[in-house]
C-alpha atoms as a PDB file:
ATOM      1  CA  MET A   1      64.813 -41.559 -40.041  1.00  0.00           C
ATOM      2  CA  ALA A   2      65.276 -45.329 -39.383  1.00  0.00           C
ATOM      3  CA  THR A   3      65.065 -47.170 -42.554  1.00  0.00           C
ATOM      4  CA  ASP A   4      65.207 -50.675 -41.003  1.00  0.00           C
ATOM      5  CA  VAL A   5      62.165 -53.067 -41.560  1.00  0.00           C
ATOM      6  CA  MET A   6      60.560 -54.715 -38.676  1.00  0.00           C
ATOM      7  CA  THR A   7      58.897 -58.142 -38.909  1.00  0.00           C
ATOM      8  CA  ALA A   8      55.857 -57.004 -40.070  1.00  0.00           C
ATOM      9  CA  GLY A   9      57.175 -54.830 -42.906  1.00  0.00           C
ATOM     10  CA  ALA A  10      56.521 -51.408 -41.486  1.00  0.00           C
ATOM     11  CA  PRO A  11      59.272 -49.092 -40.864  1.00  0.00           C
ATOM     12  CA  ALA A  12      60.604 -48.577 -37.431  1.00  0.00           C
ATOM     13  CA  PRO A  13      59.815 -45.523 -35.671  1.00  0.00           C
ATOM     14  CA  ALA A  14      62.685 -42.873 -35.358  1.00  0.00           C
ATOM     15  CA  GLY A  15      64.132 -41.663 -31.931  1.00  0.00           C
ATOM     16  CA  LEU A  16      63.175 -43.113 -28.612  1.00  0.00           C
ATOM     17  CA  HIS A  17      60.203 -44.738 -29.749  1.00  0.00           C
ATOM     18  CA  GLY A  18      62.427 -46.818 -32.104  1.00  0.00           C
ATOM     19  CA  VAL A  19      64.406 -47.761 -29.174  1.00  0.00           C
ATOM     20  CA  ALA A  20      61.308 -48.720 -27.165  1.00  0.00           C
ATOM     21  CA  SER A  21      59.645 -50.824 -29.963  1.00  0.00           C
ATOM     22  CA  ASP A  22      62.957 -52.599 -30.485  1.00  0.00           C
ATOM     23  CA  LEU A  23      63.382 -53.429 -27.157  1.00  0.00           C
ATOM     24  CA  ALA A  24      59.757 -54.320 -26.877  1.00  0.00           C
ATOM     25  CA  ALA A  25      59.966 -56.847 -29.927  1.00  0.00           C
ATOM     26  CA  ASP A  26      62.754 -58.863 -28.597  1.00  0.00           C
ATOM     27  CA  LYS A  27      62.429 -61.173 -25.622  1.00  0.00           C
ATOM     28  CA  GLN A  28      66.184 -60.465 -24.637  1.00  0.00           C
ATOM     29  CA  ALA A  29      68.341 -57.420 -25.479  1.00  0.00           C
ATOM     30  CA  PHE A  30      71.287 -58.852 -23.556  1.00  0.00           C
ATOM     31  CA  PRO A  31      72.566 -62.646 -23.282  1.00  0.00           C
ATOM     32  CA  VAL A  32      70.612 -62.695 -19.861  1.00  0.00           C
ATOM     33  CA  PRO A  33      66.928 -63.215 -19.279  1.00  0.00           C
ATOM     34  CA  TRP A  34      65.211 -59.884 -18.504  1.00  0.00           C
ATOM     35  CA  GLY A  35      64.000 -61.273 -15.027  1.00  0.00           C
ATOM     36  CA  LYS A  36      67.421 -62.343 -14.018  1.00  0.00           C
ATOM     37  CA  LEU A  37      68.882 -58.917 -15.136  1.00  0.00           C
ATOM     38  CA  MET A  38      66.360 -57.107 -13.086  1.00  0.00           C
ATOM     39  CA  MET A  39      66.820 -59.083 -10.303  1.00  0.00           C
ATOM     40  CA  TRP A  40      70.575 -58.193 -10.228  1.00  0.00           C
ATOM     41  CA  ILE A  41      69.938 -54.772 -10.705  1.00  0.00           C
ATOM     42  CA  PHE A  42      67.643 -54.779  -7.787  1.00  0.00           C
ATOM     43  CA  LEU A  43      70.024 -56.538  -5.568  1.00  0.00           C
ATOM     44  CA  LEU A  44      72.799 -54.194  -6.354  1.00  0.00           C
ATOM     45  CA  SER A  45      70.693 -51.073  -5.839  1.00  0.00           C
ATOM     46  CA  ASP A  46      69.576 -52.590  -2.574  1.00  0.00           C
ATOM     47  CA  THR A  47      73.062 -53.524  -1.529  1.00  0.00           C
ATOM     48  CA  PHE A  48      73.997 -49.617  -2.355  1.00  0.00           C
ATOM     49  CA  ILE A  49      71.173 -48.151  -0.138  1.00  0.00           C
ATOM     50  CA  PHE A  50      71.813 -50.402   2.774  1.00  0.00           C
ATOM     51  CA  SER A  51      75.516 -49.707   2.624  1.00  0.00           C
ATOM     52  CA  CYS A  52      74.714 -45.842   2.618  1.00  0.00           C
ATOM     53  CA  PHE A  53      72.525 -46.357   5.775  1.00  0.00           C
ATOM     54  CA  LEU A  54      74.907 -48.428   7.570  1.00  0.00           C
ATOM     55  CA  THR A  55      77.778 -46.062   6.641  1.00  0.00           C
ATOM     56  CA  GLY A  56      75.666 -43.254   7.937  1.00  0.00           C
ATOM     57  CA  TYR A  57      74.698 -45.111  10.955  1.00  0.00           C
ATOM     58  CA  MET A  58      78.340 -45.931  11.776  1.00  0.00           C
ATOM     59  CA  ASN A  59      79.380 -42.082  11.423  1.00  0.00           C
ATOM     60  CA  VAL A  60      76.753 -41.344  13.684  1.00  0.00           C
ATOM     61  CA  ARG A  61      77.446 -43.838  16.372  1.00  0.00           C
ATOM     62  CA  ILE A  62      81.381 -43.088  16.152  1.00  0.00           C
ATOM     63  CA  SER A  63      81.147 -39.495  16.016  1.00  0.00           C
ATOM     64  CA  ASN A  64      78.805 -39.323  19.029  1.00  0.00           C
ATOM     65  CA  THR A  65      80.149 -39.625  22.721  1.00  0.00           C
ATOM     66  CA  ALA A  66      76.892 -39.904  24.452  1.00  0.00           C
ATOM     67  CA  LYS A  67      75.685 -43.292  25.864  1.00  0.00           C
ATOM     68  CA  TRP A  68      73.700 -45.209  23.580  1.00  0.00           C
ATOM     69  CA  ALA A  69      70.713 -47.439  24.786  1.00  0.00           C
ATOM     70  CA  ASN A  70      71.683 -51.247  25.555  1.00  0.00           C
ATOM     71  CA  PRO A  71      70.566 -53.461  22.424  1.00  0.00           C
ATOM     72  CA  SER A  72      69.820 -56.304  24.648  1.00  0.00           C
ATOM     73  CA  ALA A  73      67.228 -54.212  26.669  1.00  0.00           C
ATOM     74  CA  VAL A  74      65.874 -52.490  23.705  1.00  0.00           C
ATOM     75  CA  PHE A  75      65.240 -55.717  21.869  1.00  0.00           C
ATOM     76  CA  SER A  76      64.078 -57.849  24.964  1.00  0.00           C
ATOM     77  CA  LEU A  77      60.822 -59.252  25.611  1.00  0.00           C
ATOM     78  CA  SER A  78      59.090 -59.981  29.095  1.00  0.00           C
ATOM     79  CA  VAL A  79      58.245 -63.555  29.424  1.00  0.00           C
ATOM     80  CA  GLY A  80      56.811 -64.336  32.879  1.00  0.00           C
ATOM     81  CA  GLN A  81      58.931 -62.521  35.301  1.00  0.00           C
ATOM     82  CA  SER A  82      62.298 -62.584  33.132  1.00  0.00           C
ATOM     83  CA  GLU A  83      63.530 -60.439  30.401  1.00  0.00           C
ATOM     84  CA  VAL A  84      64.695 -62.452  27.609  1.00  0.00           C
ATOM     85  CA  PRO A  85      67.180 -60.517  25.662  1.00  0.00           C
ATOM     86  CA  LEU A  86      67.106 -60.343  21.625  1.00  0.00           C
ATOM     87  CA  LEU A  87      63.832 -62.302  21.442  1.00  0.00           C
ATOM     88  CA  LEU A  88      61.861 -59.737  19.651  1.00  0.00           C
ATOM     89  CA  ILE A  89      64.682 -59.758  16.906  1.00  0.00           C
ATOM     90  CA  ALA A  90      64.179 -63.789  16.856  1.00  0.00           C
ATOM     91  CA  ILE A  91      60.458 -63.406  16.315  1.00  0.00           C
ATOM     92  CA  MET A  92      60.812 -60.816  13.643  1.00  0.00           C
ATOM     93  CA  THR A  93      63.366 -62.982  11.786  1.00  0.00           C
ATOM     94  CA  MET A  94      61.051 -65.982  11.807  1.00  0.00           C
ATOM     95  CA  VAL A  95      58.030 -63.754  10.776  1.00  0.00           C
ATOM     96  CA  LEU A  96      60.228 -62.408   7.735  1.00  0.00           C
ATOM     97  CA  ILE A  97      61.411 -66.264   6.909  1.00  0.00           C
ATOM     98  CA  THR A  98      57.648 -67.377   7.138  1.00  0.00           C
ATOM     99  CA  SER A  99      56.435 -64.637   4.958  1.00  0.00           C
ATOM    100  CA  SER A 100      59.095 -65.252   2.271  1.00  0.00           C
ATOM    101  CA  GLY A 101      58.061 -68.714   2.058  1.00  0.00           C
ATOM    102  CA  THR A 102      54.323 -68.062   1.887  1.00  0.00           C
ATOM    103  CA  MET A 103      55.012 -65.496  -0.855  1.00  0.00           C
ATOM    104  CA  ALA A 104      57.060 -68.379  -2.701  1.00  0.00           C
ATOM    105  CA  MET A 105      54.076 -70.613  -2.293  1.00  0.00           C
ATOM    106  CA  ALA A 106      51.740 -68.107  -3.539  1.00  0.00           C
ATOM    107  CA  VAL A 107      53.781 -67.566  -6.728  1.00  0.00           C
ATOM    108  CA  ASN A 108      54.053 -71.413  -7.259  1.00  0.00           C
ATOM    109  CA  PHE A 109      50.342 -71.911  -6.804  1.00  0.00           C
ATOM    110  CA  GLY A 110      49.716 -68.549  -9.021  1.00  0.00           C
ATOM    111  CA  TYR A 111      51.724 -70.468 -11.778  1.00  0.00           C
ATOM    112  CA  ARG A 112      49.458 -73.453 -11.359  1.00  0.00           C
ATOM    113  CA  ARG A 113      46.352 -71.192 -11.726  1.00  0.00           C
ATOM    114  CA  ASN A 114      45.093 -72.103  -8.331  1.00  0.00           C
ATOM    115  CA  ARG A 115      43.433 -68.775  -7.378  1.00  0.00           C
ATOM    116  CA  SER A 116      42.014 -69.423  -4.047  1.00  0.00           C
ATOM    117  CA  VAL A 117      45.230 -71.098  -2.774  1.00  0.00           C
ATOM    118  CA  THR A 118      47.060 -67.977  -4.126  1.00  0.00           C
ATOM    119  CA  THR A 119      44.948 -65.620  -2.693  1.00  0.00           C
ATOM    120  CA  ALA A 120      45.041 -67.172   0.720  1.00  0.00           C
ATOM    121  CA  LEU A 121      48.788 -67.356   0.886  1.00  0.00           C
ATOM    122  CA  MET A 122      49.005 -63.747  -0.335  1.00  0.00           C
ATOM    123  CA  LEU A 123      46.570 -62.662   2.670  1.00  0.00           C
ATOM    124  CA  VAL A 124      48.836 -64.878   4.948  1.00  0.00           C
ATOM    125  CA  THR A 125      51.780 -63.025   3.540  1.00  0.00           C
ATOM    126  CA  ALA A 126      50.163 -59.585   3.825  1.00  0.00           C
ATOM    127  CA  GLY A 127      49.102 -60.470   7.479  1.00  0.00           C
ATOM    128  CA  LEU A 128      52.831 -61.500   8.484  1.00  0.00           C
ATOM    129  CA  GLY A 129      53.978 -58.078   6.838  1.00  0.00           C
ATOM    130  CA  ALA A 130      51.594 -56.295   8.951  1.00  0.00           C
ATOM    131  CA  CYS A 131      52.741 -58.158  12.021  1.00  0.00           C
ATOM    132  CA  PHE A 132      56.428 -57.267  11.008  1.00  0.00           C
ATOM    133  CA  VAL A 133      55.324 -53.458  10.807  1.00  0.00           C
ATOM    134  CA  GLY A 134      53.606 -53.625  14.357  1.00  0.00           C
ATOM    135  CA  MET A 135      56.719 -55.345  15.794  1.00  0.00           C
ATOM    136  CA  GLN A 136      58.867 -52.408  14.351  1.00  0.00           C
ATOM    137  CA  ALA A 137      56.649 -49.942  15.679  1.00  0.00           C
ATOM    138  CA  PHE A 138      56.629 -51.571  19.005  1.00  0.00           C
ATOM    139  CA  GLU A 139      60.476 -51.836  19.081  1.00  0.00           C
ATOM    140  CA  TRP A 140      60.956 -48.063  17.835  1.00  0.00           C
ATOM    141  CA  SER A 141      58.318 -46.791  20.518  1.00  0.00           C
ATOM    142  CA  LYS A 142      60.216 -48.836  23.055  1.00  0.00           C
ATOM    143  CA  LEU A 143      63.552 -47.405  22.005  1.00  0.00           C
ATOM    144  CA  ILE A 144      61.966 -43.788  22.011  1.00  0.00           C
ATOM    145  CA  LEU A 145      59.700 -43.724  25.174  1.00  0.00           C
ATOM    146  CA  VAL A 146      61.132 -46.250  27.315  1.00  0.00           C
ATOM    147  CA  GLU A 147      65.030 -46.250  26.733  1.00  0.00           C
ATOM    148  CA  GLY A 148      64.992 -42.614  25.404  1.00  0.00           C
ATOM    149  CA  LEU A 149      67.274 -41.511  22.314  1.00  0.00           C
ATOM    150  CA  HIS A 150      70.572 -41.084  24.409  1.00  0.00           C
ATOM    151  CA  ALA A 151      72.659 -40.509  21.024  1.00  0.00           C
ATOM    152  CA  ASP A 152      71.173 -37.036  20.718  1.00  0.00           C
ATOM    153  CA  GLU A 153      71.760 -35.885  24.283  1.00  0.00           C
ATOM    154  CA  ALA A 154      75.171 -33.856  23.259  1.00  0.00           C
ATOM    155  CA  GLY A 155      73.207 -32.249  20.559  1.00  0.00           C
ATOM    156  CA  ALA A 156      70.303 -31.354  22.525  1.00  0.00           C
ATOM    157  CA  GLN A 157      72.493 -29.896  25.153  1.00  0.00           C
ATOM    158  CA  ALA A 158      74.314 -27.755  22.422  1.00  0.00           C
ATOM    159  CA  ARG A 159      70.826 -26.773  21.007  1.00  0.00           C
ATOM    160  CA  GLY A 160      69.677 -25.617  24.619  1.00  0.00           C
ATOM    161  CA  ASP A 161      72.824 -23.696  25.194  1.00  0.00           C
ATOM    162  CA  GLN A 162      72.285 -21.649  21.801  1.00  0.00           C
ATOM    163  CA  HIS A 163      68.683 -21.296  22.973  1.00  0.00           C
ATOM    164  CA  GLU A 164      69.710 -19.826  26.386  1.00  0.00           C
ATOM    165  CA  ARG A 165      72.299 -17.501  24.893  1.00  0.00           C
ATOM    166  CA  GLY A 166      69.668 -16.392  22.420  1.00  0.00           C
ATOM    167  CA  ARG A 167      67.245 -15.794  25.198  1.00  0.00           C
ATOM    168  CA  ASP A 168      70.071 -13.876  27.341  1.00  0.00           C
ATOM    169  CA  ARG A 169      70.672 -11.566  24.131  1.00  0.00           C
ATOM    170  CA  ALA A 170      66.942 -10.914  23.691  1.00  0.00           C
ATOM    171  CA  VAL A 171      66.484 -10.031  27.336  1.00  0.00           C
ATOM    172  CA  ALA A 172      69.386  -7.659  27.402  1.00  0.00           C
ATOM    173  CA  ALA A 173      68.191  -5.790  24.302  1.00  0.00           C
ATOM    174  CA  VAL A 174      64.735  -5.614  25.667  1.00  0.00           C
ATOM    175  CA  ALA A 175      66.403  -4.074  28.785  1.00  0.00           C
ATOM    176  CA  GLU A 176      68.473  -1.764  26.791  1.00  0.00           C
ATOM    177  CA  VAL A 177      65.352  -0.623  24.857  1.00  0.00           C
ATOM    178  CA  ASP A 178      63.564  -0.285  28.168  1.00  0.00           C
ATOM    179  CA  GLY A 179      66.263   1.656  29.648  1.00  0.00           C
ATOM    180  CA  HIS A 180      66.325   4.125  26.770  1.00  0.00           C
ATOM    181  CA  ARG A 181      62.673   4.482  27.037  1.00  0.00           C
ATOM    182  CA  HIS A 182      62.940   5.426  30.784  1.00  0.00           C
ATOM    183  CA  ARG A 183      65.486   7.823  30.138  1.00  0.00           C
ATOM    184  CA  ALA A 184      63.909   9.637  27.418  1.00  0.00           C
ATOM    185  CA  ALA A 185      60.737   9.830  29.528  1.00  0.00           C
ATOM    186  CA  ARG A 186      62.789  11.599  32.484  1.00  0.00           C
ATOM    187  CA  GLY A 187      64.790  13.676  30.203  1.00  0.00           C
END
C-alpha cells in the first residue's frame, strides 16, 4: 500500500491505479513534453512499419523471376493523345502536400477558436483525403485489371500444375474404383 501523500492530502492508490494517478497528476513524466514524446514514438513506429513493408516488397521482388509491370505505364495518365509517365504520382503528391497544409491551417484556426474556418479547412482536408483514396483505387485497379499482376505468374503456374496433378490422381482413383465395380459385376 502506498503511503505517499498526494497534493490534496489523500493517500495515493496502490498498484496500477497509483501509477496512472501519478502520471495524470504530472504534466511531464520525462524531461520532454508529452506531445513531443508521443510524436517521436509515432515517427519511430511508422518507420518500423514501413521498413517491414519495404523489406517484404524487396524480398518478393528479388525472389520472383516473373516479369513485373512497368511502373511508368502503371502510373501514367493520358493527356490528349499522349501518355504522360508518372503524372499520377505527381498529382497524388500534390494532393498529400495540400492536405497537410490545410490540416495545419485548420489546427492554427482551431487554436484561435475560429470554428467556421476550422470546419471548412477540415472538410477540405477530408475531401483531399477522399480524392487521394480514389486515386489509389484507380492506380490499383489499373495495375490489377489493365496491366495484370505479373509477379505471381510463376506461383499461379505452380498452383495450376498442382491442381492438374490432383485432378489426374482423382480421375485415376475414380477409374480404378469403376474398374473394380465392373470386374465385381462380371465376376
